Amino acid sequence: MTVVALKDITRKESAIYYRRQFSAKASYQMSGHNSSGKIEFTIETTPLGKNNISINLIDDVDYPIIQVKRALKDYIGKLDTAGKLP
């Protein structure tokens, strides 16, 4: 399971400054075929400076959900570290 890309990333406005909410369309490759689906994710900064990423899969996935969420969390963490999120 590999994440190919996140497209149409939009940031939702929030009154809480340490929580950033996003929605996007995820494209990923699993078992030799490509799939895509809508996701929502939240990046919350803890008091110690660590980012916790939580993911909500909007569309159904034909793959073990834990592995999909783990791959998406890694990909989103790399995008956030690189400063590529809106």
PDB file of N, CA and C in Angstrom:
ATOM      1  N   MET A   1       0.853  -1.177   0.000  1.00  0.00           N
ATOM      2  CA  MET A   1       0.000   0.000   0.000  1.00  0.00           C
ATOM      3  C   MET A   1       0.890   1.228   0.000  1.00  0.00           C
ATOM      4  N   THR A   2       0.793   2.025  -1.048  1.00  0.00           N
ATOM      5  CA  THR A   2       1.547   3.272  -1.123  1.00  0.00           C
ATOM      6  C   THR A   2       0.613   4.405  -1.521  1.00  0.00           C
ATOM      7  N   VAL A   3       0.828   5.560  -0.943  1.00  0.00           N
ATOM      8  CA  VAL A   3       0.047   6.744  -1.281  1.00  0.00           C
ATOM      9  C   VAL A   3       0.710   7.405  -2.479  1.00  0.00           C
ATOM     10  N   VAL A   4      -0.070   7.645  -3.527  1.00  0.00           N
ATOM     11  CA  VAL A   4       0.452   8.284  -4.735  1.00  0.00           C
ATOM     12  C   VAL A   4       0.431   9.797  -4.577  1.00  0.00           C
ATOM     13  N   ALA A   5      -0.720  10.351  -4.148  1.00  0.00           N
ATOM     14  CA  ALA A   5      -0.829  11.803  -4.020  1.00  0.00           C
ATOM     15  C   ALA A   5      -2.065  12.180  -3.214  1.00  0.00           C
ATOM     16  N   LEU A   6      -2.041  13.389  -2.687  1.00  0.00           N
ATOM     17  CA  LEU A   6      -3.226  14.017  -2.117  1.00  0.00           C
ATOM     18  C   LEU A   6      -3.576  15.191  -3.012  1.00  0.00           C
ATOM     19  N   LYS A   7      -4.806  15.220  -3.496  1.00  0.00           N
ATOM     20  CA  LYS A   7      -5.240  16.267  -4.426  1.00  0.00           C
ATOM     21  C   LYS A   7      -6.349  17.081  -3.784  1.00  0.00           C
ATOM     22  N   ASP A   8      -6.528  18.278  -4.283  1.00  0.00           N
ATOM     23  CA  ASP A   8      -7.603  19.171  -3.844  1.00  0.00           C
ATOM     24  C   ASP A   8      -7.618  19.344  -2.323  1.00  0.00           C
ATOM     25  N   ILE A   9      -6.468  19.621  -1.747  1.00  0.00           N
ATOM     26  CA  ILE A   9      -6.377  19.808  -0.301  1.00  0.00           C
ATOM     27  C   ILE A   9      -6.957  21.176   0.048  1.00  0.00           C
ATOM     28  N   THR A  10      -7.949  21.169   0.924  1.00  0.00           N
ATOM     29  CA  THR A  10      -8.526  22.424   1.390  1.00  0.00           C
ATOM     30  C   THR A  10      -8.487  22.446   2.911  1.00  0.00           C
ATOM     31  N   ARG A  11      -8.197  23.615   3.446  1.00  0.00           N
ATOM     32  CA  ARG A  11      -8.127  23.771   4.900  1.00  0.00           C
ATOM     33  C   ARG A  11      -9.436  24.349   5.398  1.00  0.00           C
ATOM     34  N   LYS A  12      -9.965  23.759   6.442  1.00  0.00           N
ATOM     35  CA  LYS A  12     -11.191  24.241   7.067  1.00  0.00           C
ATOM     36  C   LYS A  12     -10.818  25.215   8.175  1.00  0.00           C
ATOM     37  N   GLU A  13     -11.575  26.291   8.282  1.00  0.00           N
ATOM     38  CA  GLU A  13     -11.311  27.280   9.311  1.00  0.00           C
ATOM     39  C   GLU A  13     -11.691  26.724  10.684  1.00  0.00           C
ATOM     40  N   SER A  14     -10.858  27.010  11.664  1.00  0.00           N
ATOM     41  CA  SER A  14     -11.096  26.540  13.020  1.00  0.00           C
ATOM     42  C   SER A  14     -10.705  27.641  14.000  1.00  0.00           C
ATOM     43  N   ALA A  15     -11.467  27.752  15.063  1.00  0.00           N
ATOM     44  CA  ALA A  15     -11.170  28.753  16.077  1.00  0.00           C
ATOM     45  C   ALA A  15     -10.064  28.298  17.026  1.00  0.00           C
ATOM     46  N   ILE A  16      -9.721  27.025  16.968  1.00  0.00           N
ATOM     47  CA  ILE A  16      -8.684  26.479  17.833  1.00  0.00           C
ATOM     48  C   ILE A  16      -7.356  26.553  17.083  1.00  0.00           C
ATOM     49  N   TYR A  17      -6.411  27.329  17.600  1.00  0.00           N
ATOM     50  CA  TYR A  17      -5.180  27.601  16.857  1.00  0.00           C
ATOM     51  C   TYR A  17      -4.245  26.404  16.756  1.00  0.00           C
ATOM     52  N   TYR A  18      -4.318  25.438  17.651  1.00  0.00           N
ATOM     53  CA  TYR A  18      -3.416  24.297  17.611  1.00  0.00           C
ATOM     54  C   TYR A  18      -3.992  23.103  16.853  1.00  0.00           C
ATOM     55  N   ARG A  19      -5.142  23.269  16.257  1.00  0.00           N
ATOM     56  CA  ARG A  19      -5.782  22.194  15.484  1.00  0.00           C
ATOM     57  C   ARG A  19      -6.052  22.689  14.067  1.00  0.00           C
ATOM     58  N   ARG A  20      -5.508  21.954  13.090  1.00  0.00           N
ATOM     59  CA  ARG A  20      -5.720  22.294  11.684  1.00  0.00           C
ATOM     60  C   ARG A  20      -6.508  21.159  11.030  1.00  0.00           C
ATOM     61  N   GLN A  21      -7.609  21.502  10.378  1.00  0.00           N
ATOM     62  CA  GLN A  21      -8.466  20.506   9.752  1.00  0.00           C
ATOM     63  C   GLN A  21      -8.424  20.676   8.243  1.00  0.00           C
ATOM     64  N   PHE A  22      -8.367  19.532   7.541  1.00  0.00           N
ATOM     65  CA  PHE A  22      -8.260  19.528   6.090  1.00  0.00           C
ATOM     66  C   PHE A  22      -9.204  18.501   5.490  1.00  0.00           C
ATOM     67  N   SER A  23      -9.514  18.691   4.222  1.00  0.00           N
ATOM     68  CA  SER A  23     -10.188  17.656   3.434  1.00  0.00           C
ATOM     69  C   SER A  23      -9.413  17.535   2.129  1.00  0.00           C
ATOM     70  N   ALA A  24      -9.411  16.332   1.567  1.00  0.00           N
ATOM     71  CA  ALA A  24      -8.635  16.094   0.351  1.00  0.00           C
ATOM     72  C   ALA A  24      -9.143  14.840  -0.346  1.00  0.00           C
ATOM     73  N   LYS A  25      -8.605  14.615  -1.529  1.00  0.00           N
ATOM     74  CA  LYS A  25      -8.870  13.386  -2.261  1.00  0.00           C
ATOM     75  C   LYS A  25      -7.547  12.631  -2.333  1.00  0.00           C
ATOM     76  N   ALA A  26      -7.533  11.428  -1.791  1.00  0.00           N
ATOM     77  CA  ALA A  26      -6.310  10.629  -1.736  1.00  0.00           C
ATOM     78  C   ALA A  26      -6.274   9.632  -2.882  1.00  0.00           C
ATOM     79  N   SER A  27      -5.130   9.536  -3.528  1.00  0.00           N
ATOM     80  CA  SER A  27      -4.888   8.518  -4.553  1.00  0.00           C
ATOM     81  C   SER A  27      -3.831   7.584  -4.012  1.00  0.00           C
ATOM     82  N   TYR A  28      -4.124   6.283  -4.048  1.00  0.00           N
ATOM     83  CA  TYR A  28      -3.182   5.315  -3.521  1.00  0.00           C
ATOM     84  C   TYR A  28      -3.184   4.061  -4.369  1.00  0.00           C
ATOM     85  N   GLN A  29      -2.092   3.335  -4.275  1.00  0.00           N
ATOM     86  CA  GLN A  29      -1.922   2.112  -5.046  1.00  0.00           C
ATOM     87  C   GLN A  29      -1.859   0.945  -4.071  1.00  0.00           C
ATOM     88  N   MET A  30      -2.687  -0.052  -4.348  1.00  0.00           N
ATOM     89  CA  MET A  30      -2.692  -1.233  -3.494  1.00  0.00           C
ATOM     90  C   MET A  30      -2.964  -2.458  -4.330  1.00  0.00           C
ATOM     91  N   SER A  31      -2.220  -3.484  -4.067  1.00  0.00           N
ATOM     92  CA  SER A  31      -2.379  -4.779  -4.741  1.00  0.00           C
ATOM     93  C   SER A  31      -2.378  -4.649  -6.259  1.00  0.00           C
ATOM     94  N   GLY A  32      -1.561  -3.753  -6.782  1.00  0.00           N
ATOM     95  CA  GLY A  32      -1.397  -3.633  -8.222  1.00  0.00           C
ATOM     96  C   GLY A  32      -2.410  -2.762  -8.935  1.00  0.00           C
ATOM     97  N   HIS A  33      -3.376  -2.178  -8.245  1.00  0.00           N
ATOM     98  CA  HIS A  33      -4.309  -1.273  -8.911  1.00  0.00           C
ATOM     99  C   HIS A  33      -4.447   0.026  -8.119  1.00  0.00           C
ATOM    100  N   ASN A  34      -4.802   1.079  -8.837  1.00  0.00           N
ATOM    101  CA  ASN A  34      -4.926   2.401  -8.226  1.00  0.00           C
ATOM    102  C   ASN A  34      -6.346   2.627  -7.747  1.00  0.00           C
ATOM    103  N   SER A  35      -6.472   3.310  -6.627  1.00  0.00           N
ATOM    104  CA  SER A  35      -7.771   3.673  -6.064  1.00  0.00           C
ATOM    105  C   SER A  35      -7.689   5.100  -5.554  1.00  0.00           C
ATOM    106  N   SER A  36      -8.844   5.677  -5.320  1.00  0.00           N
ATOM    107  CA  SER A  36      -8.885   7.015  -4.741  1.00  0.00           C
ATOM    108  C   SER A  36     -10.133   7.152  -3.896  1.00  0.00           C
ATOM    109  N   GLY A  37     -10.112   8.096  -2.995  1.00  0.00           N
ATOM    110  CA  GLY A  37     -11.253   8.332  -2.130  1.00  0.00           C
ATOM    111  C   GLY A  37     -11.091   9.623  -1.350  1.00  0.00           C
ATOM    112  N   LYS A  38     -12.195  10.146  -0.882  1.00  0.00           N
ATOM    113  CA  LYS A  38     -12.182  11.376  -0.100  1.00  0.00           C
ATOM    114  C   LYS A  38     -11.789  11.066   1.344  1.00  0.00           C
ATOM    115  N   ILE A  39     -10.994  11.961   1.900  1.00  0.00           N
ATOM    116  CA  ILE A  39     -10.591  11.834   3.304  1.00  0.00           C
ATOM    117  C   ILE A  39     -10.700  13.189   3.978  1.00  0.00           C
ATOM    118  N   GLU A  40     -10.770  13.160   5.285  1.00  0.00           N
ATOM    119  CA  GLU A  40     -10.632  14.343   6.120  1.00  0.00           C
ATOM    120  C   GLU A  40      -9.570  14.024   7.145  1.00  0.00           C
ATOM    121  N   PHE A  41      -8.709  14.984   7.422  1.00  0.00           N
ATOM    122  CA  PHE A  41      -7.680  14.740   8.426  1.00  0.00           C
ATOM    123  C   PHE A  41      -7.446  15.970   9.264  1.00  0.00           C
ATOM    124  N   THR A  42      -6.993  15.724  10.477  1.00  0.00           N
ATOM    125  CA  THR A  42      -6.739  16.781  11.446  1.00  0.00           C
ATOM    126  C   THR A  42      -5.318  16.632  11.962  1.00  0.00           C
ATOM    127  N   ILE A  43      -4.611  17.740  12.022  1.00  0.00           N
ATOM    128  CA  ILE A  43      -3.278  17.775  12.615  1.00  0.00           C
ATOM    129  C   ILE A  43      -3.382  18.627  13.870  1.00  0.00           C
ATOM    130  N   GLU A  44      -3.147  18.000  15.009  1.00  0.00           N
ATOM    131  CA  GLU A  44      -3.263  18.694  16.293  1.00  0.00           C
ATOM    132  C   GLU A  44      -1.885  18.717  16.958  1.00  0.00           C
ATOM    133  N   THR A  45      -1.447  19.894  17.342  1.00  0.00           N
ATOM    134  CA  THR A  45      -0.156  20.054  17.999  1.00  0.00           C
ATOM    135  C   THR A  45      -0.342  19.933  19.507  1.00  0.00           C
ATOM    136  N   THR A  46       0.411  19.017  20.115  1.00  0.00           N
ATOM    137  CA  THR A  46       0.330  18.811  21.556  1.00  0.00           C
ATOM    138  C   THR A  46       1.117  19.908  22.277  1.00  0.00           C
ATOM    139  N   PRO A  47       0.941  20.051  23.591  1.00  0.00           N
ATOM    140  CA  PRO A  47       1.708  21.052  24.345  1.00  0.00           C
ATOM    141  C   PRO A  47       3.223  20.842  24.275  1.00  0.00           C
ATOM    142  N   LEU A  48       3.643  19.615  23.968  1.00  0.00           N
ATOM    143  CA  LEU A  48       5.077  19.336  23.856  1.00  0.00           C
ATOM    144  C   LEU A  48       5.618  19.551  22.455  1.00  0.00           C
ATOM    145  N   GLY A  49       4.763  19.977  21.509  1.00  0.00           N
ATOM    146  CA  GLY A  49       5.206  20.285  20.160  1.00  0.00           C
ATOM    147  C   GLY A  49       5.086  19.148  19.168  1.00  0.00           C
ATOM    148  N   LYS A  50       4.586  18.009  19.586  1.00  0.00           N
ATOM    149  CA  LYS A  50       4.426  16.875  18.675  1.00  0.00           C
ATOM    150  C   LYS A  50       3.099  17.003  17.931  1.00  0.00           C
ATOM    151  N   ASN A  51       3.075  16.594  16.667  1.00  0.00           N
ATOM    152  CA  ASN A  51       1.854  16.636  15.876  1.00  0.00           C
ATOM    153  C   ASN A  51       1.167  15.276  15.884  1.00  0.00           C
ATOM    154  N   ASN A  52      -0.115  15.268  16.253  1.00  0.00           N
ATOM    155  CA  ASN A  52      -0.937  14.067  16.170  1.00  0.00           C
ATOM    156  C   ASN A  52      -1.842  14.194  14.956  1.00  0.00           C
ATOM    157  N   ILE A  53      -1.807  13.188  14.101  1.00  0.00           N
ATOM    158  CA  ILE A  53      -2.603  13.197  12.877  1.00  0.00           C
ATOM    159  C   ILE A  53      -3.718  12.168  13.017  1.00  0.00           C
ATOM    160  N   SER A  54      -4.950  12.614  12.807  1.00  0.00           N
ATOM    161  CA  SER A  54      -6.078  11.684  12.796  1.00  0.00           C
ATOM    162  C   SER A  54      -6.752  11.768  11.427  1.00  0.00           C
ATOM    163  N   ILE A  55      -7.197  10.617  10.940  1.00  0.00           N
ATOM    164  CA  ILE A  55      -7.742  10.520   9.588  1.00  0.00           C
ATOM    165  C   ILE A  55      -9.132   9.922   9.641  1.00  0.00           C
ATOM    166  N   ASN A  56     -10.035  10.504   8.844  1.00  0.00           N
ATOM    167  CA  ASN A  56     -11.385   9.981   8.681  1.00  0.00           C
ATOM    168  C   ASN A  56     -11.564   9.644   7.203  1.00  0.00           C
ATOM    169  N   LEU A  57     -11.767   8.366   6.896  1.00  0.00           N
ATOM    170  CA  LEU A  57     -11.983   7.931   5.523  1.00  0.00           C
ATOM    171  C   LEU A  57     -13.457   8.106   5.183  1.00  0.00           C
ATOM    172  N   ILE A  58     -13.751   8.964   4.222  1.00  0.00           N
ATOM    173  CA  ILE A  58     -15.134   9.227   3.831  1.00  0.00           C
ATOM    174  C   ILE A  58     -15.649   8.106   2.923  1.00  0.00           C
ATOM    175  N   ASP A  59     -14.864   7.709   1.941  1.00  0.00           N
ATOM    176  CA  ASP A  59     -15.249   6.645   1.015  1.00  0.00           C
ATOM    177  C   ASP A  59     -14.779   5.292   1.547  1.00  0.00           C
ATOM    178  N   ASP A  60     -15.497   4.240   1.206  1.00  0.00           N
ATOM    179  CA  ASP A  60     -15.124   2.887   1.619  1.00  0.00           C
ATOM    180  C   ASP A  60     -13.830   2.446   0.948  1.00  0.00           C
ATOM    181  N   VAL A  61     -13.079   1.606   1.643  1.00  0.00           N
ATOM    182  CA  VAL A  61     -11.791   1.127   1.163  1.00  0.00           C
ATOM    183  C   VAL A  61     -11.837  -0.398   1.092  1.00  0.00           C
ATOM    184  N   ASP A  62     -11.347  -0.955  -0.011  1.00  0.00           N
ATOM    185  CA  ASP A  62     -11.284  -2.409  -0.168  1.00  0.00           C
ATOM    186  C   ASP A  62      -9.914  -2.925   0.255  1.00  0.00           C
ATOM    187  N   TYR A  63      -9.469  -2.539   1.418  1.00  0.00           N
ATOM    188  CA  TYR A  63      -8.144  -2.883   1.903  1.00  0.00           C
ATOM    189  C   TYR A  63      -8.182  -2.742   3.418  1.00  0.00           C
ATOM    190  N   PRO A  64      -7.338  -3.398   4.149  1.00  0.00           N
ATOM    191  CA  PRO A  64      -7.341  -3.219   5.613  1.00  0.00           C
ATOM    192  C   PRO A  64      -7.163  -1.746   5.997  1.00  0.00           C
ATOM    193  N   ILE A  65      -8.099  -1.234   6.748  1.00  0.00           N
ATOM    194  CA  ILE A  65      -8.160   0.186   7.061  1.00  0.00           C
ATOM    195  C   ILE A  65      -6.942   0.659   7.851  1.00  0.00           C
ATOM    196  N   ILE A  66      -6.430  -0.170   8.738  1.00  0.00           N
ATOM    197  CA  ILE A  66      -5.284   0.237   9.557  1.00  0.00           C
ATOM    198  C   ILE A  66      -4.071   0.542   8.682  1.00  0.00           C
ATOM    199  N   GLN A  67      -3.823  -0.280   7.677  1.00  0.00           N
ATOM    200  CA  GLN A  67      -2.676  -0.052   6.797  1.00  0.00           C
ATOM    201  C   GLN A  67      -2.877   1.195   5.941  1.00  0.00           C
ATOM    202  N   VAL A  68      -4.102   1.442   5.502  1.00  0.00           N
ATOM    203  CA  VAL A  68      -4.389   2.638   4.713  1.00  0.00           C
ATOM    204  C   VAL A  68      -4.156   3.884   5.567  1.00  0.00           C
ATOM    205  N   LYS A  69      -4.678   3.891   6.782  1.00  0.00           N
ATOM    206  CA  LYS A  69      -4.513   5.049   7.657  1.00  0.00           C
ATOM    207  C   LYS A  69      -3.048   5.269   8.023  1.00  0.00           C
ATOM    208  N   ARG A  70      -2.303   4.201   8.257  1.00  0.00           N
ATOM    209  CA  ARG A  70      -0.885   4.334   8.600  1.00  0.00           C
ATOM    210  C   ARG A  70      -0.108   4.963   7.444  1.00  0.00           C
ATOM    211  N   ALA A  71      -0.363   4.507   6.219  1.00  0.00           N
ATOM    212  CA  ALA A  71       0.333   5.061   5.058  1.00  0.00           C
ATOM    213  C   ALA A  71      -0.052   6.525   4.839  1.00  0.00           C
ATOM    214  N   LEU A  72      -1.324   6.856   5.029  1.00  0.00           N
ATOM    215  CA  LEU A  72      -1.762   8.242   4.872  1.00  0.00           C
ATOM    216  C   LEU A  72      -1.154   9.140   5.944  1.00  0.00           C
ATOM    217  N   LYS A  73      -1.066   8.671   7.181  1.00  0.00           N
ATOM    218  CA  LYS A  73      -0.461   9.464   8.254  1.00  0.00           C
ATOM    219  C   LYS A  73       1.002   9.765   7.948  1.00  0.00           C
ATOM    220  N   ASP A  74       1.735   8.765   7.463  1.00  0.00           N
ATOM    221  CA  ASP A  74       3.137   8.984   7.111  1.00  0.00           C
ATOM    222  C   ASP A  74       3.260  10.015   5.994  1.00  0.00           C
ATOM    223  N   TYR A  75       2.421   9.889   4.972  1.00  0.00           N
ATOM    224  CA  TYR A  75       2.470  10.801   3.827  1.00  0.00           C
ATOM    225  C   TYR A  75       2.099  12.226   4.250  1.00  0.00           C
ATOM    226  N   ILE A  76       1.054  12.373   5.055  1.00  0.00           N
ATOM    227  CA  ILE A  76       0.623  13.693   5.520  1.00  0.00           C
ATOM    228  C   ILE A  76       1.686  14.304   6.427  1.00  0.00           C
ATOM    229  N   GLY A  77       2.310  13.492   7.267  1.00  0.00           N
ATOM    230  CA  GLY A  77       3.386  14.000   8.122  1.00  0.00           C
ATOM    231  C   GLY A  77       4.548  14.545   7.317  1.00  0.00           C
ATOM    232  N   LYS A  78       4.897  13.873   6.224  1.00  0.00           N
ATOM    233  CA  LYS A  78       5.985  14.355   5.370  1.00  0.00           C
ATOM    234  C   LYS A  78       5.592  15.654   4.659  1.00  0.00           C
ATOM    235  N   LEU A  79       4.329  15.747   4.211  1.00  0.00           N
ATOM    236  CA  LEU A  79       3.868  16.988   3.579  1.00  0.00           C
ATOM    237  C   LEU A  79       3.897  18.151   4.565  1.00  0.00           C
ATOM    238  N   ASP A  80       3.489  17.898   5.795  1.00  0.00           N
ATOM    239  CA  ASP A  80       3.468  18.943   6.809  1.00  0.00           C
ATOM    240  C   ASP A  80       4.881  19.402   7.159  1.00  0.00           C
ATOM    241  N   THR A  81       5.789  18.456   7.297  1.00  0.00           N
ATOM    242  CA  THR A  81       7.178  18.797   7.601  1.00  0.00           C
ATOM    243  C   THR A  81       7.808  19.624   6.481  1.00  0.00           C
ATOM    244  N   ALA A  82       7.461  19.300   5.226  1.00  0.00           N
ATOM    245  CA  ALA A  82       7.993  20.026   4.088  1.00  0.00           C
ATOM    246  C   ALA A  82       7.297  21.367   3.862  1.00  0.00           C
ATOM    247  N   GLY A  83       6.207  21.627   4.592  1.00  0.00           N
ATOM    248  CA  GLY A  83       5.488  22.888   4.453  1.00  0.00           C
ATOM    249  C   GLY A  83       4.616  22.961   3.221  1.00  0.00           C
ATOM    250  N   LYS A  84       4.131  21.831   2.735  1.00  0.00           N
ATOM    251  CA  LYS A  84       3.347  21.798   1.506  1.00  0.00           C
ATOM    252  C   LYS A  84       1.838  21.754   1.731  1.00  0.00           C
ATOM    253  N   LEU A  85       1.405  21.888   2.969  1.00  0.00           N
ATOM    254  CA  LEU A  85      -0.030  21.931   3.253  1.00  0.00           C
ATOM    255  C   LEU A  85      -0.474  23.389   3.312  1.00  0.00           C
ATOM    256  N   PRO A  86      -1.713  23.663   2.854  1.00  0.00           N
ATOM    257  CA  PRO A  86      -2.189  25.065   2.891  1.00  0.00           C
ATOM    258  C   PRO A  86      -2.411  25.562   4.311  1.00  0.00           C
TER     259      PRO A  86
END
